[in-house]
Amino acid sequence: MTILWFLFKEGFKGLLRSKYSGAFSIIIIAISIIMIGFGYIIARDTLFMVENIRSQFDVDIFILSTAGSDEIIAFDKKLRQMNEIERVIYISPETAAKKFKQEFGEDILDILDYNPLPPSFTISLKPIYRNLMSVEAIANILQRDSVVDEVKYRKNFLIILEKYQRIILACVLIVFAVLTLISIILTSNSIKMTIFARRDIISTMKLIGATNRFVKTPFVIEGTLEGGLGALLASLIIYGIIYVQNTYLQSFFDYTLNVSYQYYIALLLLGSFLGWVGSRQAIRRFL
């Protein structure tokens, strides 16, 4: 325990002794965390936007005009019992005629002297089923019902949406991986400068018989602290930017940035991790 406490104390002292080189490392880590932090927000909100568009996707089920009211009620009950369906809206011929007048400005009864619009249902699927494969399977099941005339949905819309969602997800993963790699490299190089400035101390410790672990541990602790402080600085900057955006600039950009406290905790952990990895990579050169 005495040796462990000594190593931790040396790690803290090393951070205080490093001065400019340590401050430079903290700034580099802060910049890296800011890039990753905002990269995450942009990626999250982009995927959320795509999912929001997907949530507006509906399936229209047109009922045979010869279907009786009992058959329609039974079909309505069947739809509401299906686990895949989130919401069911019944549209009677009269309601359809009103919607026609609202959209086209003319009464269909004045045009044709009768209402040709059939009863129909508009259904919304649960999020897990809002994909082309599930929609096609559900549509095929509904189409086989004796009261159903036609099932319509925007197939091309789904194909395009899923295509671009895959592209966006791939881009997000690639960008996040690249930013993380750049952050580790920058962190490692900045910490390497700090350790390089004290290479004579490392040589002296080796000459008096210190083991590699004994030499390495204070520097790893110092690097982890630098990572944590860099992440703290980055969190304060990100918080300030989010506050300015949501308080003063929201009316200009019509965009609200929302993050939870877990987001900042994750940044602190990520910064400490980058400092830990960077210091381990840097110290290997001198051992």
Protein backbone atom coordinates (compact mmCIF):
# COMPACT_ATOMS: atom_id res chain seq x y z
CA MET A 1 0.00 0.00 0.00
CA THR A 2 2.89 2.36 0.81
CA ILE A 3 4.43 1.81 -2.65
CA LEU A 4 1.04 2.26 -4.34
CA TRP A 5 0.41 5.51 -2.47
CA PHE A 6 3.90 6.71 -3.42
CA LEU A 7 3.24 5.98 -7.11
CA PHE A 8 -0.07 7.85 -7.04
CA LYS A 9 1.57 10.77 -5.25
CA GLU A 10 4.33 10.85 -7.87
CA GLY A 11 1.71 10.87 -10.59
CA PHE A 12 0.05 13.95 -9.07
CA LYS A 13 3.41 15.65 -8.53
CA GLY A 14 4.40 14.87 -12.12
CA LEU A 15 1.28 16.64 -13.35
CA LEU A 16 2.16 19.74 -11.32
CA ARG A 17 5.80 19.66 -12.47
CA SER A 18 4.96 19.27 -16.14
CA LYS A 19 3.65 22.87 -16.38
CA TYR A 20 3.56 23.94 -20.05
CA SER A 21 3.94 20.46 -21.54
CA GLY A 22 1.20 19.15 -19.26
CA ALA A 23 -1.05 22.09 -20.10
CA PHE A 24 -0.45 21.45 -23.79
CA SER A 25 -1.46 17.81 -23.36
CA ILE A 26 -4.63 18.82 -21.52
CA ILE A 27 -5.56 21.27 -24.31
CA ILE A 28 -4.93 18.64 -27.02
CA ILE A 29 -7.09 16.13 -25.16
CA ALA A 30 -9.80 18.78 -24.70
CA ILE A 31 -9.82 19.49 -28.45
CA SER A 32 -10.04 15.76 -29.17
CA ILE A 33 -12.93 15.30 -26.74
CA ILE A 34 -14.77 18.30 -28.21
CA MET A 35 -14.48 16.79 -31.70
CA ILE A 36 -15.74 13.41 -30.50
CA GLY A 37 -18.45 14.99 -28.33
CA PHE A 38 -19.95 17.10 -31.08
CA GLY A 39 -19.44 14.28 -33.58
CA TYR A 40 -21.62 12.11 -31.36
CA ILE A 41 -24.33 14.79 -31.05
CA ILE A 42 -24.46 15.37 -34.82
CA ALA A 43 -24.57 11.63 -35.54
CA ARG A 44 -27.25 11.01 -32.90
CA ASP A 45 -29.47 13.84 -34.10
CA THR A 46 -29.05 12.81 -37.75
CA LEU A 47 -30.17 9.27 -36.99
CA PHE A 48 -32.99 10.64 -34.83
CA MET A 49 -34.15 12.78 -37.75
CA VAL A 50 -34.21 9.73 -40.03
CA GLU A 51 -36.18 7.76 -37.43
CA ASN A 52 -38.59 10.67 -37.03
CA ILE A 53 -39.25 10.62 -40.78
CA ARG A 54 -39.77 6.85 -40.57
CA SER A 55 -42.28 7.34 -37.73
CA GLN A 56 -44.54 9.28 -40.12
CA PHE A 57 -44.80 6.27 -42.41
CA ASP A 58 -48.35 4.88 -42.63
CA VAL A 59 -50.02 1.94 -44.36
CA ASP A 60 -53.42 2.49 -46.01
CA ILE A 61 -55.90 -0.41 -46.18
CA PHE A 62 -58.85 0.03 -48.55
CA ILE A 63 -61.94 -2.03 -47.79
CA LEU A 64 -64.28 -3.52 -50.38
CA SER A 65 -67.34 -1.32 -50.91
CA THR A 66 -69.50 -4.43 -50.54
CA ALA A 67 -68.23 -5.15 -47.03
CA GLY A 68 -70.86 -4.92 -44.32
CA SER A 69 -70.55 -2.95 -41.09
CA ASP A 70 -70.13 -6.15 -39.03
CA GLU A 71 -67.24 -7.24 -41.26
CA ILE A 72 -65.59 -3.83 -40.93
CA ILE A 73 -65.96 -3.91 -37.14
CA ALA A 74 -64.47 -7.43 -37.02
CA PHE A 75 -61.54 -6.32 -39.21
CA ASP A 76 -61.01 -3.26 -37.01
CA LYS A 77 -60.82 -5.55 -33.97
CA LYS A 78 -58.34 -7.80 -35.79
CA LEU A 79 -56.06 -4.83 -36.57
CA ARG A 80 -56.08 -3.62 -32.98
CA GLN A 81 -55.09 -7.07 -31.73
CA MET A 82 -52.03 -7.29 -33.99
CA ASN A 83 -48.81 -6.79 -32.01
CA GLU A 84 -47.07 -5.11 -34.94
CA ILE A 85 -49.56 -2.22 -35.12
CA GLU A 86 -49.17 0.87 -32.93
CA ARG A 87 -52.19 2.94 -34.05
CA VAL A 88 -55.36 2.28 -36.08
CA ILE A 89 -57.51 5.00 -37.66
CA TYR A 90 -60.79 4.14 -39.40
CA ILE A 91 -61.82 6.43 -42.27
CA SER A 92 -65.46 6.14 -43.33
CA PRO A 93 -66.61 7.07 -46.86
CA GLU A 94 -68.14 10.26 -45.43
CA THR A 95 -64.86 11.22 -43.70
CA ALA A 96 -62.94 10.43 -46.91
CA ALA A 97 -65.29 12.75 -48.83
CA LYS A 98 -64.62 15.56 -46.35
CA LYS A 99 -60.85 15.05 -46.67
CA PHE A 100 -61.22 15.12 -50.47
CA LYS A 101 -62.99 18.48 -50.26
CA GLN A 102 -60.32 19.87 -47.90
CA GLU A 103 -57.47 18.79 -50.18
CA PHE A 104 -58.98 19.56 -53.60
CA GLY A 105 -61.52 22.26 -52.75
CA GLU A 106 -64.44 20.48 -54.44
CA ASP A 107 -67.22 18.28 -53.15
CA ILE A 108 -67.02 14.84 -54.75
CA LEU A 109 -70.83 14.52 -54.57
CA ASP A 110 -71.16 17.58 -56.84
CA ILE A 111 -68.77 16.00 -59.35
CA LEU A 112 -70.12 12.43 -59.51
CA ASP A 113 -73.50 12.65 -57.76
CA TYR A 114 -72.39 9.78 -55.49
CA ASN A 115 -69.53 8.95 -53.15
CA PRO A 116 -67.16 6.38 -54.73
CA LEU A 117 -64.65 6.54 -51.89
CA PRO A 118 -64.44 3.23 -50.00
CA PRO A 119 -64.02 2.82 -46.25
CA SER A 120 -60.39 2.47 -45.25
CA PHE A 121 -57.98 2.13 -42.37
CA THR A 122 -54.71 3.96 -41.81
CA ILE A 123 -52.32 2.07 -39.56
CA SER A 124 -48.99 3.02 -37.98
CA LEU A 125 -46.54 0.28 -37.15
CA LYS A 126 -44.40 -0.01 -34.05
CA PRO A 127 -40.80 1.26 -34.54
CA ILE A 128 -39.28 -2.21 -34.78
CA TYR A 129 -41.55 -3.06 -37.76
CA ARG A 130 -40.97 0.14 -39.75
CA ASN A 131 -38.73 -1.55 -42.30
CA LEU A 132 -39.37 -2.81 -45.80
CA MET A 133 -39.25 -6.52 -44.97
CA SER A 134 -41.72 -6.24 -42.09
CA VAL A 135 -44.07 -3.91 -43.95
CA GLU A 136 -44.21 -6.24 -46.96
CA ALA A 137 -44.94 -9.23 -44.72
CA ILE A 138 -47.71 -7.40 -42.82
CA ALA A 139 -49.20 -6.06 -46.08
CA ASN A 140 -49.33 -9.60 -47.53
CA ILE A 141 -51.13 -10.88 -44.42
CA LEU A 142 -53.69 -8.06 -44.53
CA GLN A 143 -54.21 -8.40 -48.28
CA ARG A 144 -55.46 -11.98 -47.81
CA ASP A 145 -58.36 -10.85 -45.63
CA SER A 146 -61.72 -11.23 -47.37
CA VAL A 147 -62.81 -7.60 -46.74
CA VAL A 148 -59.59 -5.99 -48.01
CA ASP A 149 -59.55 -4.55 -51.50
CA GLU A 150 -56.03 -3.10 -51.58
CA VAL A 151 -53.11 -2.35 -49.24
CA LYS A 152 -50.99 0.65 -50.16
CA TYR A 153 -47.73 1.97 -48.73
CA ARG A 154 -44.83 4.03 -50.04
CA LYS A 155 -42.46 1.22 -50.97
CA ASN A 156 -40.01 3.43 -52.88
CA PHE A 157 -39.90 5.83 -49.94
CA LEU A 158 -38.93 2.98 -47.60
CA ILE A 159 -36.27 1.69 -50.01
CA ILE A 160 -34.65 5.12 -50.30
CA LEU A 161 -34.91 5.79 -46.55
CA GLU A 162 -33.30 2.47 -45.60
CA LYS A 163 -30.56 2.99 -48.18
CA TYR A 164 -29.63 6.40 -46.82
CA GLN A 165 -29.97 5.25 -43.23
CA ARG A 166 -27.34 2.56 -43.87
CA ILE A 167 -25.08 5.12 -45.54
CA ILE A 168 -25.51 7.56 -42.64
CA LEU A 169 -24.85 4.83 -40.05
CA ALA A 170 -21.70 3.70 -41.91
CA CYS A 171 -20.46 7.30 -42.15
CA VAL A 172 -21.15 7.86 -38.44
CA LEU A 173 -19.18 4.76 -37.43
CA ILE A 174 -16.28 5.64 -39.73
CA VAL A 175 -16.12 9.27 -38.58
CA PHE A 176 -16.34 8.26 -34.91
CA ALA A 177 -13.58 5.65 -35.37
CA VAL A 178 -11.34 8.16 -37.22
CA LEU A 179 -11.89 10.86 -34.59
CA THR A 180 -11.12 8.40 -31.80
CA LEU A 181 -7.94 7.24 -33.57
CA ILE A 182 -6.82 10.83 -34.19
CA SER A 183 -7.53 11.64 -30.55
CA ILE A 184 -5.41 8.72 -29.33
CA ILE A 185 -2.54 9.71 -31.65
CA LEU A 186 -2.68 13.38 -30.62
CA THR A 187 -2.94 12.46 -26.96
CA SER A 188 -0.08 9.99 -27.19
CA ASN A 189 2.16 12.49 -28.98
CA SER A 190 1.40 15.31 -26.55
CA ILE A 191 2.04 13.08 -23.52
CA LYS A 192 5.16 11.79 -25.24
CA MET A 193 6.50 15.34 -25.22
CA THR A 194 5.85 15.56 -21.48
CA ILE A 195 7.64 12.27 -20.83
CA PHE A 196 10.49 13.18 -23.23
CA ALA A 197 11.18 16.29 -21.15
CA ARG A 198 11.83 13.98 -18.18
CA ARG A 199 13.76 11.25 -19.95
CA ASP A 200 16.76 11.86 -17.67
CA ILE A 201 14.65 11.06 -14.62
CA ILE A 202 13.53 7.80 -16.24
CA SER A 203 17.17 6.87 -17.03
CA THR A 204 18.22 7.62 -13.44
CA MET A 205 15.39 5.49 -12.02
CA LYS A 206 16.39 2.62 -14.31
CA LEU A 207 20.04 2.89 -13.20
CA ILE A 208 19.16 2.53 -9.54
CA GLY A 209 17.23 -0.65 -10.28
CA ALA A 210 13.61 0.52 -10.60
CA THR A 211 11.38 -1.96 -12.44
CA ASN A 212 9.52 -0.99 -15.61
CA ARG A 213 6.19 -1.06 -13.80
CA PHE A 214 7.53 1.18 -11.02
CA VAL A 215 8.78 3.69 -13.60
CA LYS A 216 5.72 3.50 -15.79
CA THR A 217 2.93 3.76 -13.20
CA PRO A 218 3.40 7.45 -12.18
CA PHE A 219 3.46 8.51 -15.84
CA VAL A 220 0.32 6.48 -16.60
CA ILE A 221 -1.42 8.07 -13.60
CA GLU A 222 -0.26 11.49 -14.77
CA GLY A 223 -1.53 10.81 -18.30
CA THR A 224 -4.89 9.61 -16.95
CA LEU A 225 -5.20 12.79 -14.87
CA GLU A 226 -4.35 14.91 -17.90
CA GLY A 227 -7.01 13.05 -19.86
CA GLY A 228 -9.58 13.64 -17.12
CA LEU A 229 -8.72 17.35 -16.87
CA GLY A 230 -8.82 17.68 -20.66
CA ALA A 231 -12.24 16.05 -20.73
CA LEU A 232 -13.42 18.35 -17.91
CA LEU A 233 -12.27 21.38 -19.90
CA ALA A 234 -13.97 20.01 -23.02
CA SER A 235 -17.19 19.36 -21.08
CA LEU A 236 -17.26 22.96 -19.82
CA ILE A 237 -16.71 24.28 -23.36
CA ILE A 238 -19.39 22.00 -24.82
CA TYR A 239 -21.79 22.99 -22.05
CA GLY A 240 -21.13 26.66 -22.80
CA ILE A 241 -21.71 26.20 -26.53
CA ILE A 242 -24.94 24.26 -25.90
CA TYR A 243 -26.14 26.94 -23.47
CA VAL A 244 -25.47 29.76 -25.97
CA GLN A 245 -27.16 27.81 -28.78
CA ASN A 246 -30.29 26.96 -26.79
CA THR A 247 -30.55 30.37 -25.10
CA TYR A 248 -29.56 32.91 -27.74
CA LEU A 249 -29.26 31.23 -31.16
CA GLN A 250 -32.19 28.79 -31.19
CA SER A 251 -34.50 31.28 -32.92
CA PHE A 252 -31.96 31.68 -35.75
CA PHE A 253 -31.19 28.00 -36.36
CA ASP A 254 -34.44 26.39 -35.09
CA TYR A 255 -32.39 23.64 -33.49
CA THR A 256 -32.14 22.57 -29.86
CA LEU A 257 -29.16 20.68 -28.48
CA ASN A 258 -30.13 18.21 -25.77
CA VAL A 259 -27.67 16.12 -23.76
CA SER A 260 -27.99 14.42 -20.39
CA TYR A 261 -25.57 14.38 -17.48
CA GLN A 262 -24.58 10.83 -18.54
CA TYR A 263 -23.15 12.41 -21.70
CA TYR A 264 -20.71 14.51 -19.65
CA ILE A 265 -19.81 11.53 -17.46
CA ALA A 266 -19.05 9.55 -20.63
CA LEU A 267 -16.79 12.40 -21.85
CA LEU A 268 -14.87 12.39 -18.57
CA LEU A 269 -14.41 8.62 -18.75
CA LEU A 270 -13.39 8.84 -22.41
CA GLY A 271 -10.84 11.57 -21.66
CA SER A 272 -9.34 9.55 -18.82
CA PHE A 273 -9.21 6.50 -21.09
CA LEU A 274 -7.46 8.46 -23.86
CA GLY A 275 -4.94 9.78 -21.33
CA TRP A 276 -4.36 6.26 -20.01
CA VAL A 277 -3.88 4.77 -23.50
CA GLY A 278 -1.76 7.71 -24.68
CA SER A 279 0.56 7.59 -21.66
CA ARG A 280 1.01 3.82 -21.95
CA GLN A 281 1.88 4.16 -25.60
CA ALA A 282 4.28 7.05 -24.95
CA ILE A 283 6.17 5.50 -22.02
CA ARG A 284 6.96 2.31 -23.99
CA ARG A 285 9.49 4.23 -26.06
CA PHE A 286 11.63 4.94 -23.02
CA LEU A 287 11.46 1.51 -21.34
